[in-house]
Amino acid sequence: MRIGQLARASGFPAKTIRYYEALGLLPEPSREASGYRSYESSQLRRLELIRLAKTAGLSLSEIADILSAGTGPGVDCAHAVGLLTEKLKQVRLQIIELQQLEAALEHTIDAHRRDELPASVSPDDCPVIERAARERAQAREELPAR
């Protein structure tokens, strides 16, 4: 199939398919006598795998790592589990950071509503923002080391 057909079948724009080829995520297709790229069904399946991996939160470099880790024709799923485990740790830390940001913002807004913050002393001064930044910095100090 040609790139337009692969694009329609995969849902990826042709430009993205060429980009994935340049990154090495998608094997270089064979060429017809006319010079057009000629794709196999296995390349469509590879694009589906890339889409699924992106949906699972993996970056293109992590996907490339998984695809290159296999010693045979297939994907090394054990390696994928390792990357997903690391991704899970990152997501859990991000959740903690977001919860702390939420609390810092709530504290700042509540302090403002209770009129506990000083008035601005200049046009470039905002005690509300300063308080939010302090609250966030204090919360970050309490995070476990990455």
N, C-alpha and C. Protein backbone atom coordinates (compact mmCIF):
# COMPACT_ATOMS: atom_id res chain seq x y z
N MET A 1 0.85 -1.18 0.00
CA MET A 1 0.00 0.00 0.00
C MET A 1 0.89 1.24 0.00
N ARG A 2 0.39 2.32 -0.55
CA ARG A 2 1.13 3.58 -0.59
C ARG A 2 0.87 4.36 0.70
N ILE A 3 1.64 5.43 0.89
CA ILE A 3 1.59 6.18 2.14
C ILE A 3 0.20 6.77 2.41
N GLY A 4 -0.51 7.21 1.38
CA GLY A 4 -1.86 7.74 1.58
C GLY A 4 -2.81 6.68 2.12
N GLN A 5 -2.68 5.48 1.59
CA GLN A 5 -3.51 4.38 2.06
C GLN A 5 -3.16 4.01 3.51
N LEU A 6 -1.87 3.99 3.80
CA LEU A 6 -1.43 3.69 5.16
C LEU A 6 -1.91 4.79 6.11
N ALA A 7 -1.86 6.02 5.68
CA ALA A 7 -2.33 7.13 6.50
C ALA A 7 -3.81 6.98 6.82
N ARG A 8 -4.61 6.67 5.81
CA ARG A 8 -6.05 6.48 6.04
C ARG A 8 -6.31 5.29 6.96
N ALA A 9 -5.60 4.20 6.74
CA ALA A 9 -5.81 2.98 7.54
C ALA A 9 -5.36 3.16 8.99
N SER A 10 -4.31 3.92 9.19
CA SER A 10 -3.74 4.06 10.54
C SER A 10 -4.30 5.25 11.31
N GLY A 11 -4.77 6.26 10.58
CA GLY A 11 -5.23 7.49 11.22
C GLY A 11 -4.10 8.47 11.47
N PHE A 12 -2.87 8.12 11.09
CA PHE A 12 -1.74 9.03 11.21
C PHE A 12 -1.58 9.81 9.90
N PRO A 13 -1.31 11.09 9.97
CA PRO A 13 -1.03 11.83 8.73
C PRO A 13 0.23 11.29 8.05
N ALA A 14 0.30 11.43 6.74
CA ALA A 14 1.48 10.96 6.00
C ALA A 14 2.75 11.61 6.53
N LYS A 15 2.67 12.87 6.91
CA LYS A 15 3.84 13.59 7.44
C LYS A 15 4.35 12.91 8.71
N THR A 16 3.44 12.46 9.57
CA THR A 16 3.82 11.76 10.81
C THR A 16 4.46 10.42 10.48
N ILE A 17 3.92 9.73 9.51
CA ILE A 17 4.49 8.44 9.12
C ILE A 17 5.93 8.63 8.64
N ARG A 18 6.17 9.65 7.81
CA ARG A 18 7.53 9.92 7.35
C ARG A 18 8.44 10.31 8.53
N TYR A 19 7.89 11.06 9.48
CA TYR A 19 8.65 11.45 10.68
C TYR A 19 9.03 10.21 11.48
N TYR A 20 8.09 9.30 11.67
CA TYR A 20 8.39 8.07 12.40
C TYR A 20 9.44 7.23 11.68
N GLU A 21 9.43 7.24 10.36
CA GLU A 21 10.48 6.56 9.60
C GLU A 21 11.82 7.20 9.88
N ALA A 22 11.87 8.53 9.87
CA ALA A 22 13.12 9.25 10.11
C ALA A 22 13.66 8.96 11.51
N LEU A 23 12.77 8.79 12.49
CA LEU A 23 13.19 8.47 13.86
C LEU A 23 13.59 7.01 14.03
N GLY A 24 13.24 6.18 13.06
CA GLY A 24 13.53 4.76 13.16
C GLY A 24 12.44 3.97 13.87
N LEU A 25 11.31 4.61 14.16
CA LEU A 25 10.19 3.89 14.79
C LEU A 25 9.50 2.97 13.80
N LEU A 26 9.53 3.37 12.56
CA LEU A 26 8.88 2.60 11.51
C LEU A 26 9.96 2.22 10.50
N PRO A 27 10.05 0.94 10.15
CA PRO A 27 11.09 0.53 9.20
C PRO A 27 10.92 1.24 7.85
N GLU A 28 12.03 1.48 7.22
CA GLU A 28 12.02 2.09 5.89
C GLU A 28 11.24 1.17 4.94
N PRO A 29 10.27 1.70 4.24
CA PRO A 29 9.49 0.84 3.34
C PRO A 29 10.27 0.56 2.05
N SER A 30 9.83 -0.47 1.38
CA SER A 30 10.42 -0.73 0.07
C SER A 30 9.88 0.32 -0.90
N ARG A 31 10.48 0.40 -2.05
CA ARG A 31 10.07 1.39 -3.05
C ARG A 31 9.59 0.68 -4.31
N GLU A 32 8.55 1.25 -4.88
CA GLU A 32 8.08 0.76 -6.17
C GLU A 32 9.04 1.26 -7.25
N ALA A 33 8.94 0.73 -8.45
CA ALA A 33 9.79 1.17 -9.55
C ALA A 33 9.63 2.67 -9.80
N SER A 34 8.44 3.18 -9.52
CA SER A 34 8.17 4.60 -9.71
C SER A 34 8.76 5.47 -8.60
N GLY A 35 9.27 4.84 -7.54
CA GLY A 35 9.84 5.58 -6.42
C GLY A 35 8.91 5.75 -5.24
N TYR A 36 7.64 5.41 -5.43
CA TYR A 36 6.69 5.54 -4.31
C TYR A 36 7.02 4.54 -3.21
N ARG A 37 6.78 4.96 -1.99
CA ARG A 37 6.95 4.05 -0.86
C ARG A 37 5.88 2.96 -0.96
N SER A 38 6.25 1.74 -0.58
CA SER A 38 5.32 0.63 -0.60
C SER A 38 5.34 -0.02 0.79
N TYR A 39 4.22 0.09 1.50
CA TYR A 39 4.13 -0.38 2.88
C TYR A 39 3.46 -1.73 2.96
N GLU A 40 3.89 -2.50 3.95
CA GLU A 40 3.32 -3.82 4.22
C GLU A 40 2.33 -3.69 5.38
N SER A 41 1.52 -4.71 5.57
CA SER A 41 0.57 -4.71 6.69
C SER A 41 1.29 -4.69 8.04
N SER A 42 2.51 -5.20 8.08
CA SER A 42 3.27 -5.19 9.34
C SER A 42 3.58 -3.75 9.77
N GLN A 43 3.72 -2.85 8.81
CA GLN A 43 3.99 -1.46 9.16
C GLN A 43 2.73 -0.77 9.70
N LEU A 44 1.59 -1.20 9.24
CA LEU A 44 0.33 -0.71 9.81
C LEU A 44 0.23 -1.18 11.26
N ARG A 45 0.57 -2.43 11.51
CA ARG A 45 0.53 -2.96 12.88
C ARG A 45 1.52 -2.22 13.77
N ARG A 46 2.69 -1.88 13.23
CA ARG A 46 3.68 -1.12 14.00
C ARG A 46 3.11 0.25 14.38
N LEU A 47 2.42 0.90 13.45
CA LEU A 47 1.80 2.19 13.75
C LEU A 47 0.72 2.04 14.84
N GLU A 48 -0.01 0.95 14.80
CA GLU A 48 -1.01 0.70 15.85
C GLU A 48 -0.33 0.52 17.21
N LEU A 49 0.80 -0.18 17.22
CA LEU A 49 1.56 -0.37 18.45
C LEU A 49 2.07 0.98 18.97
N ILE A 50 2.56 1.82 18.08
CA ILE A 50 3.04 3.15 18.47
C ILE A 50 1.90 3.95 19.08
N ARG A 51 0.73 3.92 18.46
CA ARG A 51 -0.43 4.64 18.99
C ARG A 51 -0.78 4.13 20.40
N LEU A 52 -0.81 2.83 20.56
CA LEU A 52 -1.14 2.26 21.88
C LEU A 52 -0.11 2.66 22.93
N ALA A 53 1.17 2.64 22.56
CA ALA A 53 2.22 3.00 23.49
C ALA A 53 2.11 4.47 23.88
N LYS A 54 1.78 5.33 22.91
CA LYS A 54 1.60 6.75 23.22
C LYS A 54 0.40 6.93 24.15
N THR A 55 -0.67 6.19 23.90
CA THR A 55 -1.86 6.25 24.75
C THR A 55 -1.53 5.80 26.17
N ALA A 56 -0.60 4.86 26.30
CA ALA A 56 -0.19 4.38 27.62
C ALA A 56 0.75 5.36 28.31
N GLY A 57 1.06 6.48 27.65
CA GLY A 57 1.86 7.52 28.28
C GLY A 57 3.34 7.50 27.94
N LEU A 58 3.74 6.65 27.03
CA LEU A 58 5.15 6.57 26.67
C LEU A 58 5.51 7.64 25.65
N SER A 59 6.72 8.17 25.78
CA SER A 59 7.22 9.16 24.83
C SER A 59 7.74 8.42 23.59
N LEU A 60 7.99 9.18 22.53
CA LEU A 60 8.52 8.55 21.31
C LEU A 60 9.90 7.94 21.57
N SER A 61 10.71 8.57 22.41
CA SER A 61 12.03 7.98 22.70
C SER A 61 11.88 6.69 23.50
N GLU A 62 10.90 6.63 24.40
CA GLU A 62 10.66 5.39 25.15
C GLU A 62 10.13 4.30 24.22
N ILE A 63 9.30 4.68 23.28
CA ILE A 63 8.78 3.72 22.31
C ILE A 63 9.92 3.19 21.45
N ALA A 64 10.80 4.08 21.02
CA ALA A 64 11.95 3.65 20.23
C ALA A 64 12.81 2.69 21.04
N ASP A 65 12.96 2.96 22.32
CA ASP A 65 13.74 2.09 23.20
C ASP A 65 13.13 0.70 23.26
N ILE A 66 11.81 0.64 23.39
CA ILE A 66 11.13 -0.66 23.44
C ILE A 66 11.30 -1.40 22.12
N LEU A 67 11.12 -0.68 21.02
CA LEU A 67 11.21 -1.32 19.71
C LEU A 67 12.61 -1.82 19.40
N SER A 68 13.61 -1.13 19.91
CA SER A 68 15.00 -1.54 19.63
C SER A 68 15.51 -2.57 20.63
N ALA A 69 14.81 -2.77 21.75
CA ALA A 69 15.27 -3.69 22.78
C ALA A 69 15.08 -5.15 22.39
N GLY A 70 14.14 -5.42 21.51
CA GLY A 70 13.88 -6.81 21.12
C GLY A 70 15.05 -7.39 20.35
N THR A 71 15.38 -8.64 20.63
CA THR A 71 16.49 -9.28 19.92
C THR A 71 16.00 -10.03 18.68
N GLY A 72 14.72 -10.27 18.62
CA GLY A 72 14.14 -10.96 17.48
C GLY A 72 13.18 -10.02 16.74
N PRO A 73 12.28 -10.60 16.02
CA PRO A 73 11.35 -9.76 15.25
C PRO A 73 10.27 -9.10 16.11
N GLY A 74 10.06 -9.60 17.32
CA GLY A 74 8.99 -9.07 18.16
C GLY A 74 9.47 -8.04 19.15
N VAL A 75 8.51 -7.48 19.85
CA VAL A 75 8.78 -6.47 20.88
C VAL A 75 9.13 -7.18 22.18
N ASP A 76 10.09 -6.65 22.92
CA ASP A 76 10.48 -7.20 24.20
C ASP A 76 9.51 -6.67 25.26
N CYS A 77 8.48 -7.44 25.56
CA CYS A 77 7.44 -7.00 26.50
C CYS A 77 7.97 -6.84 27.92
N ALA A 78 8.96 -7.61 28.29
CA ALA A 78 9.55 -7.46 29.63
C ALA A 78 10.19 -6.08 29.76
N HIS A 79 10.84 -5.63 28.71
CA HIS A 79 11.44 -4.30 28.70
C HIS A 79 10.33 -3.24 28.78
N ALA A 80 9.24 -3.48 28.07
CA ALA A 80 8.10 -2.55 28.11
C ALA A 80 7.54 -2.45 29.53
N VAL A 81 7.46 -3.57 30.23
CA VAL A 81 6.97 -3.56 31.61
C VAL A 81 7.87 -2.71 32.48
N GLY A 82 9.16 -2.81 32.29
CA GLY A 82 10.10 -1.99 33.05
C GLY A 82 9.87 -0.50 32.81
N LEU A 83 9.69 -0.12 31.56
CA LEU A 83 9.43 1.29 31.24
C LEU A 83 8.09 1.74 31.80
N LEU A 84 7.08 0.89 31.71
CA LEU A 84 5.76 1.25 32.24
C LEU A 84 5.81 1.37 33.77
N THR A 85 6.60 0.54 34.41
CA THR A 85 6.75 0.63 35.87
C THR A 85 7.37 1.97 36.25
N GLU A 86 8.40 2.37 35.51
CA GLU A 86 9.03 3.67 35.76
C GLU A 86 8.05 4.80 35.47
N LYS A 87 7.26 4.67 34.43
CA LYS A 87 6.25 5.68 34.09
C LYS A 87 5.23 5.79 35.21
N LEU A 88 4.83 4.66 35.79
CA LEU A 88 3.88 4.65 36.90
C LEU A 88 4.43 5.42 38.09
N LYS A 89 5.72 5.22 38.39
CA LYS A 89 6.34 5.97 39.49
C LYS A 89 6.29 7.47 39.21
N GLN A 90 6.58 7.85 37.99
CA GLN A 90 6.54 9.27 37.62
C GLN A 90 5.14 9.85 37.75
N VAL A 91 4.14 9.09 37.31
CA VAL A 91 2.76 9.55 37.39
C VAL A 91 2.33 9.71 38.84
N ARG A 92 2.70 8.76 39.67
CA ARG A 92 2.35 8.86 41.09
C ARG A 92 2.98 10.09 41.74
N LEU A 93 4.21 10.38 41.39
CA LEU A 93 4.87 11.57 41.91
C LEU A 93 4.18 12.84 41.39
N GLN A 94 3.80 12.83 40.13
CA GLN A 94 3.08 13.98 39.57
C GLN A 94 1.75 14.19 40.27
N ILE A 95 1.08 13.11 40.61
CA ILE A 95 -0.19 13.23 41.33
C ILE A 95 0.04 13.89 42.69
N ILE A 96 1.08 13.47 43.38
CA ILE A 96 1.40 14.08 44.67
C ILE A 96 1.70 15.56 44.49
N GLU A 97 2.49 15.89 43.48
CA GLU A 97 2.83 17.29 43.22
C GLU A 97 1.57 18.11 42.91
N LEU A 98 0.68 17.56 42.12
CA LEU A 98 -0.56 18.27 41.78
C LEU A 98 -1.46 18.44 43.00
N GLN A 99 -1.51 17.43 43.85
CA GLN A 99 -2.29 17.55 45.08
C GLN A 99 -1.71 18.63 45.99
N GLN A 100 -0.40 18.70 46.05
CA GLN A 100 0.22 19.74 46.86
C GLN A 100 -0.01 21.13 46.25
N LEU A 101 0.04 21.21 44.94
CA LEU A 101 -0.26 22.49 44.28
C LEU A 101 -1.70 22.90 44.55
N GLU A 102 -2.60 21.94 44.48
CA GLU A 102 -4.01 22.22 44.76
C GLU A 102 -4.17 22.78 46.18
N ALA A 103 -3.53 22.14 47.14
CA ALA A 103 -3.62 22.61 48.52
C ALA A 103 -3.01 23.99 48.68
N ALA A 104 -1.87 24.24 48.03
CA ALA A 104 -1.23 25.55 48.12
C ALA A 104 -2.13 26.63 47.53
N LEU A 105 -2.75 26.34 46.42
CA LEU A 105 -3.66 27.32 45.81
C LEU A 105 -4.89 27.57 46.68
N GLU A 106 -5.43 26.50 47.23
CA GLU A 106 -6.59 26.65 48.12
C GLU A 106 -6.23 27.51 49.34
N HIS A 107 -5.07 27.25 49.95
CA HIS A 107 -4.64 28.03 51.12
C HIS A 107 -4.48 29.50 50.77
N THR A 108 -3.88 29.74 49.62
CA THR A 108 -3.65 31.13 49.19
C THR A 108 -4.97 31.84 48.94
N ILE A 109 -5.86 31.19 48.23
CA ILE A 109 -7.17 31.80 47.92
C ILE A 109 -7.96 32.03 49.21
N ASP A 110 -7.93 31.06 50.11
CA ASP A 110 -8.62 31.22 51.40
C ASP A 110 -8.04 32.38 52.20
N ALA A 111 -6.71 32.50 52.21
CA ALA A 111 -6.07 33.62 52.93
C ALA A 111 -6.48 34.95 52.33
N HIS A 112 -6.58 34.98 51.01
CA HIS A 112 -7.01 36.21 50.35
C HIS A 112 -8.46 36.54 50.71
N ARG A 113 -9.31 35.54 50.70
CA ARG A 113 -10.73 35.77 51.02
C ARG A 113 -10.91 36.23 52.47
N ARG A 114 -10.06 35.73 53.37
CA ARG A 114 -10.13 36.14 54.77
C ARG A 114 -9.40 37.47 55.00
N ASP A 115 -8.90 38.06 53.91
CA ASP A 115 -8.21 39.35 53.95
C ASP A 115 -6.97 39.28 54.85
N GLU A 116 -6.25 38.17 54.78
CA GLU A 116 -5.05 37.97 55.60
C GLU A 116 -3.77 38.36 54.88
N LEU A 117 -3.86 38.74 53.62
CA LEU A 117 -2.67 39.08 52.86
C LEU A 117 -2.48 40.58 52.82
N PRO A 118 -1.24 41.05 52.84
CA PRO A 118 -1.01 42.50 52.80
C PRO A 118 -1.42 43.08 51.44
N ALA A 119 -1.63 44.36 51.41
CA ALA A 119 -1.98 45.04 50.17
C ALA A 119 -0.73 45.18 49.30
N SER A 120 -0.93 45.32 48.00
CA SER A 120 0.18 45.56 47.09
C SER A 120 0.82 46.90 47.40
N VAL A 121 2.13 46.95 47.28
CA VAL A 121 2.84 48.20 47.54
C VAL A 121 3.32 48.86 46.25
N SER A 122 3.23 48.15 45.14
CA SER A 122 3.61 48.73 43.84
C SER A 122 2.81 48.04 42.74
N PRO A 123 2.80 48.62 41.53
CA PRO A 123 2.05 48.01 40.42
C PRO A 123 2.58 46.62 40.04
N ASP A 124 3.85 46.36 40.35
CA ASP A 124 4.45 45.07 40.00
C ASP A 124 4.51 44.11 41.19
N ASP A 125 3.68 44.35 42.17
CA ASP A 125 3.67 43.57 43.40
C ASP A 125 2.32 42.86 43.50
N CYS A 126 2.34 41.59 43.90
CA CYS A 126 1.09 40.87 44.10
C CYS A 126 1.28 39.88 45.24
N PRO A 127 0.85 40.24 46.43
CA PRO A 127 1.01 39.35 47.58
C PRO A 127 0.33 37.99 47.40
N VAL A 128 -0.72 37.95 46.60
CA VAL A 128 -1.41 36.68 46.37
C VAL A 128 -0.48 35.72 45.63
N ILE A 129 0.16 36.21 44.58
CA ILE A 129 1.09 35.37 43.81
C ILE A 129 2.29 34.99 44.68
N GLU A 130 2.79 35.94 45.44
CA GLU A 130 3.93 35.65 46.31
C GLU A 130 3.58 34.56 47.32
N ARG A 131 2.40 34.64 47.88
CA ARG A 131 1.96 33.63 48.86
C ARG A 131 1.83 32.27 48.18
N ALA A 132 1.24 32.25 46.99
CA ALA A 132 1.08 30.99 46.26
C ALA A 132 2.44 30.36 45.96
N ALA A 133 3.40 31.19 45.57
CA ALA A 133 4.74 30.68 45.27
C ALA A 133 5.41 30.12 46.54
N ARG A 134 5.25 30.82 47.65
CA ARG A 134 5.83 30.33 48.92
C ARG A 134 5.20 29.01 49.33
N GLU A 135 3.87 28.95 49.23
CA GLU A 135 3.16 27.70 49.59
C GLU A 135 3.65 26.54 48.72
N ARG A 136 3.80 26.81 47.42
CA ARG A 136 4.24 25.77 46.49
C ARG A 136 5.67 25.34 46.81
N ALA A 137 6.54 26.30 47.09
CA ALA A 137 7.93 25.97 47.41
C ALA A 137 8.01 25.12 48.68
N GLN A 138 7.22 25.46 49.68
CA GLN A 138 7.21 24.68 50.92
C GLN A 138 6.73 23.25 50.65
N ALA A 139 5.70 23.12 49.83
CA ALA A 139 5.17 21.79 49.50
C ALA A 139 6.21 20.96 48.76
N ARG A 140 6.95 21.59 47.85
CA ARG A 140 7.97 20.86 47.09
C ARG A 140 9.10 20.36 47.98
N GLU A 141 9.41 21.11 49.03
CA GLU A 141 10.46 20.68 49.95
C GLU A 141 10.07 19.40 50.67
N GLU A 142 8.78 19.14 50.79
CA GLU A 142 8.28 17.95 51.49
C GLU A 142 8.22 16.73 50.59
N LEU A 143 8.43 16.91 49.27
CA LEU A 143 8.35 15.78 48.35
C LEU A 143 9.54 14.84 48.54
N PRO A 144 9.33 13.55 48.30
CA PRO A 144 10.47 12.62 48.33
C PRO A 144 11.41 12.94 47.16
N ALA A 145 12.69 12.66 47.33
CA ALA A 145 13.67 12.90 46.27
C ALA A 145 13.36 12.01 45.08
N ARG A 146 13.56 12.57 43.91
CA ARG A 146 13.30 11.80 42.68
C ARG A 146 14.39 10.82 42.42
